[in-house]
N, C-alpha and C. Protein backbone atom coordinates (compact mmCIF):
# COMPACT_ATOMS: atom_id res chain seq x y z
N MET A 1 -17.88 -53.65 -1.32
CA MET A 1 -18.71 -54.32 -2.96
C MET A 1 -17.48 -53.40 -4.15
N LYS A 2 -17.48 -54.22 -4.82
CA LYS A 2 -16.53 -53.71 -6.32
C LYS A 2 -16.93 -53.12 -7.20
N GLY A 3 -16.91 -52.30 -7.69
CA GLY A 3 -17.20 -51.78 -9.29
C GLY A 3 -17.00 -53.10 -10.25
N PRO A 4 -17.71 -52.83 -11.27
CA PRO A 4 -17.27 -53.57 -12.61
C PRO A 4 -16.03 -53.78 -12.94
N GLY A 5 -15.49 -54.89 -13.03
CA GLY A 5 -14.39 -54.77 -13.56
C GLY A 5 -14.18 -54.47 -15.16
N TRP A 6 -12.49 -54.43 -15.74
CA TRP A 6 -12.34 -53.44 -16.82
C TRP A 6 -12.76 -54.36 -18.27
N GLN A 7 -13.30 -55.70 -17.86
CA GLN A 7 -13.57 -56.34 -19.39
C GLN A 7 -15.27 -55.79 -19.01
N GLN A 8 -15.91 -55.28 -18.07
CA GLN A 8 -16.76 -54.99 -18.17
C GLN A 8 -17.57 -53.81 -18.77
N THR A 9 -16.60 -52.99 -17.99
CA THR A 9 -16.46 -51.59 -18.34
C THR A 9 -16.19 -51.53 -20.70
N VAL A 10 -15.07 -52.39 -20.31
CA VAL A 10 -15.34 -52.40 -22.07
C VAL A 10 -16.27 -53.22 -23.09
N GLY A 11 -16.87 -54.09 -21.90
CA GLY A 11 -18.13 -54.60 -22.93
C GLY A 11 -19.33 -53.79 -22.75
N LEU A 12 -19.49 -53.07 -22.01
CA LEU A 12 -20.34 -51.69 -21.54
C LEU A 12 -20.57 -50.65 -22.83
N MET A 13 -18.75 -50.26 -22.85
CA MET A 13 -18.48 -49.48 -23.94
C MET A 13 -18.96 -50.16 -25.01
N GLN A 14 -18.69 -51.08 -26.20
CA GLN A 14 -18.39 -51.50 -26.78
C GLN A 14 -20.48 -51.42 -27.03
N ARG A 15 -21.32 -51.50 -26.30
CA ARG A 15 -22.09 -52.10 -26.91
C ARG A 15 -23.22 -50.51 -26.99
N TRP A 16 -23.07 -49.61 -26.19
CA TRP A 16 -23.48 -48.38 -26.72
C TRP A 16 -22.49 -47.57 -27.63
N HIS A 17 -20.90 -47.90 -28.10
CA HIS A 17 -20.67 -47.37 -29.36
C HIS A 17 -21.26 -47.70 -30.40
N GLY A 18 -21.27 -49.09 -30.15
CA GLY A 18 -22.17 -49.82 -31.29
C GLY A 18 -23.40 -49.29 -31.49
N ARG A 19 -24.38 -48.92 -30.41
CA ARG A 19 -25.83 -48.72 -30.25
C ARG A 19 -25.58 -46.52 -31.16
N LEU A 20 -24.97 -45.84 -30.65
CA LEU A 20 -24.68 -44.73 -30.49
C LEU A 20 -24.27 -44.44 -32.07
N GLY A 21 -23.38 -45.08 -32.62
CA GLY A 21 -22.60 -45.09 -34.07
C GLY A 21 -23.42 -44.92 -34.85
N PRO A 22 -24.02 -46.12 -35.29
CA PRO A 22 -25.65 -45.67 -36.29
C PRO A 22 -26.36 -44.85 -36.39
N LEU A 23 -26.57 -44.31 -35.06
CA LEU A 23 -27.10 -42.57 -35.18
C LEU A 23 -26.26 -41.83 -35.39
N LEU A 24 -25.33 -41.82 -35.17
CA LEU A 24 -24.78 -40.18 -35.33
C LEU A 24 -24.24 -40.48 -36.82
N LEU A 25 -24.49 -41.74 -37.67
CA LEU A 25 -23.76 -42.15 -39.15
C LEU A 25 -24.12 -40.80 -39.98
N LEU A 26 -25.60 -40.55 -40.00
CA LEU A 26 -25.90 -39.66 -41.14
C LEU A 26 -25.77 -38.46 -40.94
N PRO A 27 -26.04 -37.88 -39.50
CA PRO A 27 -25.38 -36.23 -39.46
C PRO A 27 -24.12 -36.15 -39.44
N LEU A 28 -23.05 -37.45 -39.01
CA LEU A 28 -21.76 -36.75 -39.57
C LEU A 28 -21.69 -36.71 -40.89
N LEU A 29 -22.00 -37.91 -41.54
CA LEU A 29 -21.87 -37.77 -42.53
C LEU A 29 -22.17 -36.70 -43.78
N ASN A 30 -23.85 -36.71 -43.37
CA ASN A 30 -24.31 -34.92 -43.80
C ASN A 30 -23.22 -33.82 -43.75
N SER A 31 -22.92 -33.60 -42.15
CA SER A 31 -21.44 -32.64 -42.28
C SER A 31 -20.32 -32.50 -42.91
N ALA A 32 -20.08 -34.02 -43.05
CA ALA A 32 -18.71 -33.89 -43.65
C ALA A 32 -18.77 -33.47 -45.21
N LEU A 33 -19.76 -34.20 -45.73
CA LEU A 33 -20.35 -33.84 -47.42
C LEU A 33 -20.52 -32.45 -47.41
N THR A 34 -20.90 -32.27 -47.12
CA THR A 34 -21.65 -30.59 -47.23
C THR A 34 -20.68 -29.65 -46.94
N GLY A 35 -19.64 -30.00 -45.70
CA GLY A 35 -18.67 -28.82 -45.55
C GLY A 35 -17.64 -28.86 -47.01
N VAL A 36 -17.13 -30.40 -46.71
CA VAL A 36 -16.25 -30.61 -48.00
C VAL A 36 -16.49 -30.12 -49.65
N THR A 37 -17.83 -30.41 -49.99
CA THR A 37 -18.67 -29.62 -50.68
C THR A 37 -18.64 -28.14 -51.21
N TYR A 38 -18.62 -27.85 -49.81
CA TYR A 38 -19.37 -26.38 -50.20
C TYR A 38 -17.57 -25.74 -50.18
N ARG A 39 -16.88 -26.14 -49.57
CA ARG A 39 -15.17 -25.21 -49.93
C ARG A 39 -14.53 -25.53 -51.27
N LEU A 40 -14.88 -26.89 -51.60
CA LEU A 40 -14.46 -27.18 -53.06
C LEU A 40 -15.01 -26.39 -53.77
N GLY A 41 -16.45 -26.42 -54.16
CA GLY A 41 -17.21 -25.61 -54.98
C GLY A 41 -16.66 -24.58 -54.86
N LYS A 42 -16.53 -23.91 -53.88
CA LYS A 42 -15.75 -22.47 -53.92
C LYS A 42 -14.82 -22.12 -54.21
N ASP A 43 -13.77 -23.28 -53.52
CA ASP A 43 -12.09 -22.69 -54.11
C ASP A 43 -11.83 -23.27 -55.58
N TRP A 44 -11.99 -24.39 -55.45
CA TRP A 44 -11.83 -25.11 -57.08
C TRP A 44 -12.89 -25.22 -58.19
N LEU A 45 -13.84 -24.75 -57.43
CA LEU A 45 -15.18 -24.35 -58.88
C LEU A 45 -14.88 -23.09 -59.08
N GLY A 46 -14.74 -22.26 -58.51
CA GLY A 46 -15.34 -20.66 -58.29
C GLY A 46 -16.71 -20.19 -58.26
N LEU A 47 -17.12 -21.58 -57.91
CA LEU A 47 -18.62 -21.27 -57.44
C LEU A 47 -18.89 -20.05 -56.18
N GLU A 48 -19.89 -18.62 -56.72
CA GLU A 48 -20.05 -18.10 -55.73
C GLU A 48 -20.83 -18.19 -53.65
N GLN A 49 -20.43 -17.90 -53.15
CA GLN A 49 -21.47 -17.70 -51.83
C GLN A 49 -22.68 -18.11 -51.63
N THR A 50 -23.20 -17.78 -52.97
CA THR A 50 -24.70 -17.69 -53.02
C THR A 50 -25.20 -18.75 -53.75
N GLN A 51 -24.31 -19.48 -54.66
CA GLN A 51 -24.47 -20.61 -55.39
C GLN A 51 -24.38 -21.54 -54.36
N VAL A 52 -23.73 -21.74 -53.56
CA VAL A 52 -23.59 -22.74 -52.59
C VAL A 52 -23.95 -22.61 -51.08
N HIS A 53 -24.90 -21.41 -50.37
CA HIS A 53 -25.06 -21.31 -49.36
C HIS A 53 -26.29 -22.21 -48.91
N TRP A 54 -26.74 -22.95 -50.06
CA TRP A 54 -27.74 -23.90 -49.01
C TRP A 54 -26.78 -24.82 -48.86
N LEU A 55 -25.79 -25.72 -49.00
CA LEU A 55 -24.34 -26.75 -48.49
C LEU A 55 -24.86 -26.22 -47.26
N MET A 56 -24.36 -25.09 -46.61
CA MET A 56 -24.06 -24.27 -45.43
C MET A 56 -25.40 -24.39 -44.57
N VAL A 57 -26.38 -24.13 -45.04
CA VAL A 57 -27.77 -24.29 -44.76
C VAL A 57 -27.94 -26.01 -43.91
N LEU A 58 -27.47 -26.84 -45.02
CA LEU A 58 -27.81 -28.25 -44.77
C LEU A 58 -26.26 -28.64 -43.69
N HIS A 59 -25.06 -28.12 -43.63
CA HIS A 59 -23.77 -28.58 -43.15
C HIS A 59 -24.29 -27.86 -41.78
N GLU A 60 -24.78 -26.77 -41.23
CA GLU A 60 -24.83 -26.24 -39.85
C GLU A 60 -26.12 -26.50 -39.24
N GLY A 61 -27.00 -27.51 -39.81
CA GLY A 61 -28.71 -27.78 -39.63
C GLY A 61 -29.17 -26.37 -39.22
N GLU A 62 -28.93 -25.46 -40.18
CA GLU A 62 -30.04 -23.98 -40.16
C GLU A 62 -31.46 -24.60 -40.59
N TRP A 63 -31.54 -25.78 -40.97
CA TRP A 63 -32.98 -26.05 -41.50
C TRP A 63 -33.56 -26.33 -40.64
N LEU A 64 -33.33 -26.59 -39.10
CA LEU A 64 -33.95 -27.17 -38.01
C LEU A 64 -34.23 -25.60 -37.25
N GLY A 65 -34.20 -24.65 -37.45
CA GLY A 65 -34.45 -23.86 -36.67
C GLY A 65 -33.45 -23.12 -35.71
N THR A 66 -33.81 -22.36 -34.62
CA THR A 66 -32.15 -21.72 -34.06
C THR A 66 -32.52 -22.71 -33.25
N PRO A 67 -33.23 -23.40 -32.16
CA PRO A 67 -33.08 -24.13 -31.27
C PRO A 67 -32.80 -25.45 -31.44
N GLY A 68 -33.41 -25.91 -32.79
CA GLY A 68 -32.80 -27.13 -33.52
C GLY A 68 -31.33 -27.46 -33.82
N LYS A 69 -30.83 -26.19 -34.07
CA LYS A 69 -29.61 -25.71 -34.68
C LYS A 69 -28.39 -26.51 -33.74
N SER A 70 -28.93 -25.16 -32.88
CA SER A 70 -27.93 -25.69 -31.44
C SER A 70 -28.12 -26.99 -31.09
N LEU A 71 -28.61 -27.72 -31.26
CA LEU A 71 -29.30 -29.10 -30.51
C LEU A 71 -28.26 -30.05 -31.45
N TYR A 72 -28.18 -29.46 -32.77
CA TYR A 72 -28.13 -30.41 -33.99
C TYR A 72 -26.06 -30.51 -33.64
N VAL A 73 -25.91 -29.76 -33.47
CA VAL A 73 -24.37 -28.72 -33.49
C VAL A 73 -23.78 -29.99 -32.18
N PHE A 74 -24.60 -29.74 -31.39
CA PHE A 74 -24.06 -30.10 -29.71
C PHE A 74 -24.24 -31.27 -29.93
N SER A 75 -25.37 -32.07 -30.62
CA SER A 75 -25.40 -33.34 -30.35
C SER A 75 -24.02 -34.12 -31.13
N GLU A 76 -23.67 -33.60 -32.64
CA GLU A 76 -22.59 -33.67 -33.86
C GLU A 76 -21.36 -34.47 -32.31
N ALA A 77 -20.92 -32.54 -32.15
CA ALA A 77 -19.96 -32.63 -31.07
C ALA A 77 -20.11 -33.47 -29.66
N VAL A 78 -20.78 -34.22 -28.81
CA VAL A 78 -20.92 -34.84 -28.19
C VAL A 78 -20.53 -36.17 -28.95
N GLY A 79 -21.27 -36.52 -29.74
CA GLY A 79 -21.34 -37.72 -30.33
C GLY A 79 -19.70 -38.33 -31.23
N VAL A 80 -19.05 -37.33 -31.90
CA VAL A 80 -18.18 -37.47 -31.99
C VAL A 80 -16.94 -37.41 -30.41
N ILE A 81 -16.76 -37.14 -30.11
CA ILE A 81 -16.38 -37.26 -28.76
C ILE A 81 -16.23 -38.43 -28.47
N TRP A 82 -17.80 -39.04 -28.04
CA TRP A 82 -18.25 -40.29 -27.63
C TRP A 82 -17.48 -41.17 -28.49
N LEU A 83 -17.44 -41.21 -29.12
CA LEU A 83 -17.32 -42.07 -30.60
C LEU A 83 -15.85 -42.63 -30.76
N LEU A 84 -15.09 -41.00 -30.71
CA LEU A 84 -13.18 -41.23 -30.20
C LEU A 84 -12.89 -41.50 -29.34
N GLY A 85 -13.69 -41.06 -28.18
CA GLY A 85 -12.95 -41.71 -26.61
C GLY A 85 -13.76 -43.54 -26.94
N THR A 86 -14.86 -43.60 -26.60
CA THR A 86 -15.10 -45.34 -26.89
C THR A 86 -14.25 -46.12 -27.66
N GLY A 87 -13.90 -45.83 -28.99
CA GLY A 87 -13.53 -46.41 -30.20
C GLY A 87 -12.10 -46.65 -29.66
N SER A 88 -11.42 -45.42 -29.00
CA SER A 88 -9.86 -45.37 -28.30
C SER A 88 -9.62 -46.55 -27.89
N VAL A 89 -10.60 -46.25 -26.69
CA VAL A 89 -10.41 -47.41 -25.38
C VAL A 89 -10.40 -49.14 -26.05
N LEU A 90 -11.64 -49.28 -27.15
CA LEU A 90 -11.77 -50.51 -27.43
C LEU A 90 -10.80 -51.19 -28.39
N ALA A 91 -10.11 -49.51 -29.30
CA ALA A 91 -8.80 -50.46 -29.95
C ALA A 91 -7.50 -50.65 -29.19
N TRP A 92 -7.47 -50.04 -27.90
CA TRP A 92 -6.39 -50.28 -26.83
C TRP A 92 -6.76 -51.47 -26.23
N ASN A 93 -7.81 -51.89 -26.06
CA ASN A 93 -8.21 -53.14 -25.59
C ASN A 93 -7.97 -54.22 -26.69
N ARG A 94 -7.70 -54.16 -27.86
CA ARG A 94 -7.89 -55.15 -28.72
C ARG A 94 -6.37 -55.08 -29.35
N PHE A 95 -5.41 -53.66 -29.75
CA PHE A 95 -4.78 -54.03 -30.08
C PHE A 95 -3.38 -53.47 -29.23
N GLY A 96 -3.80 -53.30 -27.61
CA GLY A 96 -2.82 -52.17 -26.92
C GLY A 96 -2.06 -53.34 -26.45
N PRO A 97 -0.89 -53.11 -25.74
CA PRO A 97 -0.28 -54.27 -24.97
C PRO A 97 -0.73 -55.14 -24.10
N ARG A 98 -0.50 -56.73 -24.35
CA ARG A 98 -0.94 -57.17 -23.47
C ARG A 98 0.15 -57.48 -22.00
N VAL A 99 -0.93 -57.73 -21.18
CA VAL A 99 -0.07 -58.02 -19.93
C VAL A 99 0.11 -59.56 -19.46
N MET A 100 0.97 -59.70 -19.02
CA MET A 100 0.81 -61.41 -18.88
C MET A 100 0.62 -61.63 -17.27
N GLY A 101 -0.05 -62.44 -16.85
CA GLY A 101 -0.47 -62.95 -15.26
C GLY A 101 1.69 -63.67 -15.33
N THR A 102 1.16 -64.24 -14.14
CA THR A 102 1.96 -65.08 -14.24
C THR A 102 1.83 -66.69 -14.08
N LYS A 103 0.62 -66.69 -14.07
CA LYS A 103 0.57 -68.01 -15.15
C LYS A 103 0.90 -68.49 -16.34
N GLY A 104 0.85 -67.34 -16.98
CA GLY A 104 1.39 -67.37 -18.43
C GLY A 104 2.78 -67.84 -18.48
N LYS A 105 4.09 -67.67 -17.52
CA LYS A 105 5.32 -67.93 -17.81
C LYS A 105 5.49 -70.12 -18.10
């Protein structure tokens, strides 16, 4: 019995990439925006750490408590790795080199 073919695997990855992407959009957007705002606020605007600490609370998920913070950071890391991996496979499938069979000649 053979396993699923390459196209079936790509189709499965595409479905799961499309399902998990929207779920990870807000947490990843939160981390990107709060992290950049924190750094630019301190470096470019000269704000003190006490003035921008609330951004780090949002950025690191401290508002979720100790177990929630760990889960938040872990899920973001796994989510980014998943989206990068599946997105790379999908991009390679779409834009990568095409292999012509003998029928194409």
